[in-house]
Amino acid sequence: MHRQAPNPPVQQPRPGDRQPRPPRVVWKFTDWAAI
């Protein structure tokens, strides 16, 4: 009973890949830079 689901492979975040920083970190960084 082998059934292949038509769902595409989920792209999991890898530590080596570049990930977009969350807006919270950017906001804190900009706030700190402004000070």
PDB file of N, CA and C in Angstrom:
ATOM      1  N   MET A   1       0.860  -1.203   0.000  1.00  0.00           N
ATOM      2  CA  MET A   1       0.000   0.000   0.000  1.00  0.00           C
ATOM      3  C   MET A   1       0.888   1.243   0.000  1.00  0.00           C
ATOM      4  N   HIS A   2       1.447   1.555  -1.171  1.00  0.00           N
ATOM      5  CA  HIS A   2       2.314   2.733  -1.278  1.00  0.00           C
ATOM      6  C   HIS A   2       1.575   3.805  -2.063  1.00  0.00           C
ATOM      7  N   ARG A   3       1.187   4.864  -1.381  1.00  0.00           N
ATOM      8  CA  ARG A   3       0.457   5.936  -2.058  1.00  0.00           C
ATOM      9  C   ARG A   3       1.288   7.212  -2.034  1.00  0.00           C
ATOM     10  N   GLN A   4       1.554   7.770  -3.211  1.00  0.00           N
ATOM     11  CA  GLN A   4       2.338   9.009  -3.270  1.00  0.00           C
ATOM     12  C   GLN A   4       1.390  10.208  -3.253  1.00  0.00           C
ATOM     13  N   ALA A   5       1.545  11.074  -2.278  1.00  0.00           N
ATOM     14  CA  ALA A   5       0.686  12.257  -2.193  1.00  0.00           C
ATOM     15  C   ALA A   5       1.169  13.312  -3.192  1.00  0.00           C
ATOM     16  N   PRO A   6       0.228  14.015  -3.842  1.00  0.00           N
ATOM     17  CA  PRO A   6       0.592  15.047  -4.828  1.00  0.00           C
ATOM     18  C   PRO A   6       1.078  16.338  -4.176  1.00  0.00           C
ATOM     19  N   ASN A   7       1.309  16.292  -2.869  1.00  0.00           N
ATOM     20  CA  ASN A   7       1.761  17.519  -2.184  1.00  0.00           C
ATOM     21  C   ASN A   7       3.221  17.796  -2.543  1.00  0.00           C
ATOM     22  N   PRO A   8       3.551  19.060  -2.836  1.00  0.00           N
ATOM     23  CA  PRO A   8       4.938  19.406  -3.178  1.00  0.00           C
ATOM     24  C   PRO A   8       5.826  19.290  -1.949  1.00  0.00           C
ATOM     25  N   PRO A   9       7.117  19.092  -2.132  1.00  0.00           N
ATOM     26  CA  PRO A   9       8.043  18.975  -0.997  1.00  0.00           C
ATOM     27  C   PRO A   9       8.098  20.283  -0.212  1.00  0.00           C
ATOM     28  N   VAL A  10       7.945  20.178   1.092  1.00  0.00           N
ATOM     29  CA  VAL A  10       7.972  21.389   1.926  1.00  0.00           C
ATOM     30  C   VAL A  10       9.418  21.855   2.088  1.00  0.00           C
ATOM     31  N   GLN A  11       9.646  23.130   1.814  1.00  0.00           N
ATOM     32  CA  GLN A  11      11.009  23.671   1.939  1.00  0.00           C
ATOM     33  C   GLN A  11      11.272  24.025   3.399  1.00  0.00           C
ATOM     34  N   GLN A  12      12.130  23.251   4.051  1.00  0.00           N
ATOM     35  CA  GLN A  12      12.439  23.524   5.453  1.00  0.00           C
ATOM     36  C   GLN A  12      13.642  24.466   5.539  1.00  0.00           C
ATOM     37  N   PRO A  13      13.595  25.431   6.458  1.00  0.00           N
ATOM     38  CA  PRO A  13      14.704  26.385   6.602  1.00  0.00           C
ATOM     39  C   PRO A  13      15.981  25.689   7.047  1.00  0.00           C
ATOM     40  N   ARG A  14      17.052  25.876   6.292  1.00  0.00           N
ATOM     41  CA  ARG A  14      18.335  25.261   6.658  1.00  0.00           C
ATOM     42  C   ARG A  14      19.235  26.305   7.308  1.00  0.00           C
ATOM     43  N   PRO A  15      20.034  25.901   8.302  1.00  0.00           N
ATOM     44  CA  PRO A  15      20.916  26.862   8.980  1.00  0.00           C
ATOM     45  C   PRO A  15      21.925  27.486   8.024  1.00  0.00           C
ATOM     46  N   GLY A  16      22.278  26.777   6.952  1.00  0.00           N
ATOM     47  CA  GLY A  16      23.278  27.288   6.013  1.00  0.00           C
ATOM     48  C   GLY A  16      22.670  28.265   5.023  1.00  0.00           C
ATOM     49  N   ASP A  17      21.364  28.120   4.754  1.00  0.00           N
ATOM     50  CA  ASP A  17      20.722  29.004   3.773  1.00  0.00           C
ATOM     51  C   ASP A  17      20.460  30.379   4.385  1.00  0.00           C
ATOM     52  N   ARG A  18      20.460  31.404   3.525  1.00  0.00           N
ATOM     53  CA  ARG A  18      20.198  32.766   4.017  1.00  0.00           C
ATOM     54  C   ARG A  18      18.695  32.946   4.197  1.00  0.00           C
ATOM     55  N   GLN A  19      18.281  33.339   5.389  1.00  0.00           N
ATOM     56  CA  GLN A  19      16.857  33.532   5.671  1.00  0.00           C
ATOM     57  C   GLN A  19      16.578  35.017   5.909  1.00  0.00           C
ATOM     58  N   PRO A  20      15.417  35.499   5.451  1.00  0.00           N
ATOM     59  CA  PRO A  20      15.046  36.900   5.693  1.00  0.00           C
ATOM     60  C   PRO A  20      14.814  37.147   7.172  1.00  0.00           C
ATOM     61  N   ARG A  21      15.437  38.181   7.705  1.00  0.00           N
ATOM     62  CA  ARG A  21      15.290  38.459   9.137  1.00  0.00           C
ATOM     63  C   ARG A  21      13.868  38.933   9.430  1.00  0.00           C
ATOM     64  N   PRO A  22      13.330  38.559  10.576  1.00  0.00           N
ATOM     65  CA  PRO A  22      11.976  38.978  10.947  1.00  0.00           C
ATOM     66  C   PRO A  22      11.908  40.492  11.114  1.00  0.00           C
ATOM     67  N   PRO A  23      10.738  41.104  10.883  1.00  0.00           N
ATOM     68  CA  PRO A  23      10.606  42.569  10.979  1.00  0.00           C
ATOM     69  C   PRO A  23      10.928  43.078  12.378  1.00  0.00           C
ATOM     70  N   ARG A  24      10.719  42.236  13.382  1.00  0.00           N
ATOM     71  CA  ARG A  24      10.991  42.674  14.761  1.00  0.00           C
ATOM     72  C   ARG A  24      12.481  42.970  14.929  1.00  0.00           C
ATOM     73  N   VAL A  25      13.331  42.077  14.445  1.00  0.00           N
ATOM     74  CA  VAL A  25      14.776  42.280  14.585  1.00  0.00           C
ATOM     75  C   VAL A  25      15.191  43.535  13.824  1.00  0.00           C
ATOM     76  N   VAL A  26      14.639  43.703  12.621  1.00  0.00           N
ATOM     77  CA  VAL A  26      14.988  44.874  11.806  1.00  0.00           C
ATOM     78  C   VAL A  26      14.554  46.144  12.524  1.00  0.00           C
ATOM     79  N   TRP A  27      13.342  46.130  13.089  1.00  0.00           N
ATOM     80  CA  TRP A  27      12.840  47.321  13.783  1.00  0.00           C
ATOM     81  C   TRP A  27      13.731  47.645  14.976  1.00  0.00           C
ATOM     82  N   LYS A  28      14.098  46.613  15.752  1.00  0.00           N
ATOM     83  CA  LYS A  28      14.955  46.847  16.913  1.00  0.00           C
ATOM     84  C   LYS A  28      16.314  47.374  16.459  1.00  0.00           C
ATOM     85  N   PHE A  29      16.834  46.804  15.381  1.00  0.00           N
ATOM     86  CA  PHE A  29      18.147  47.234  14.894  1.00  0.00           C
ATOM     87  C   PHE A  29      18.090  48.695  14.447  1.00  0.00           C
ATOM     88  N   THR A  30      17.032  49.059  13.712  1.00  0.00           N
ATOM     89  CA  THR A  30      16.911  50.438  13.230  1.00  0.00           C
ATOM     90  C   THR A  30      16.734  51.381  14.414  1.00  0.00           C
ATOM     91  N   ASP A  31      15.930  50.963  15.406  1.00  0.00           N
ATOM     92  CA  ASP A  31      15.698  51.807  16.582  1.00  0.00           C
ATOM     93  C   ASP A  31      17.019  52.027  17.319  1.00  0.00           C
ATOM     94  N   TRP A  32      17.787  50.955  17.468  1.00  0.00           N
ATOM     95  CA  TRP A  32      19.069  51.072  18.177  1.00  0.00           C
ATOM     96  C   TRP A  32      20.021  51.982  17.395  1.00  0.00           C
ATOM     97  N   ALA A  33      20.000  51.830  16.050  1.00  0.00           N
ATOM     98  CA  ALA A  33      20.890  52.645  15.220  1.00  0.00           C
ATOM     99  C   ALA A  33      20.474  54.120  15.326  1.00  0.00           C
ATOM    100  N   ALA A  34      19.171  54.368  15.393  1.00  0.00           N
ATOM    101  CA  ALA A  34      18.690  55.751  15.485  1.00  0.00           C
ATOM    102  C   ALA A  34      19.179  56.384  16.791  1.00  0.00           C
ATOM    103  N   ILE A  35      19.213  55.608  17.840  1.00  0.00           N
ATOM    104  CA  ILE A  35      19.664  56.142  19.132  1.00  0.00           C
ATOM    105  C   ILE A  35      21.175  56.393  19.051  1.00  0.00           C
TER     106      ILE A  35
END
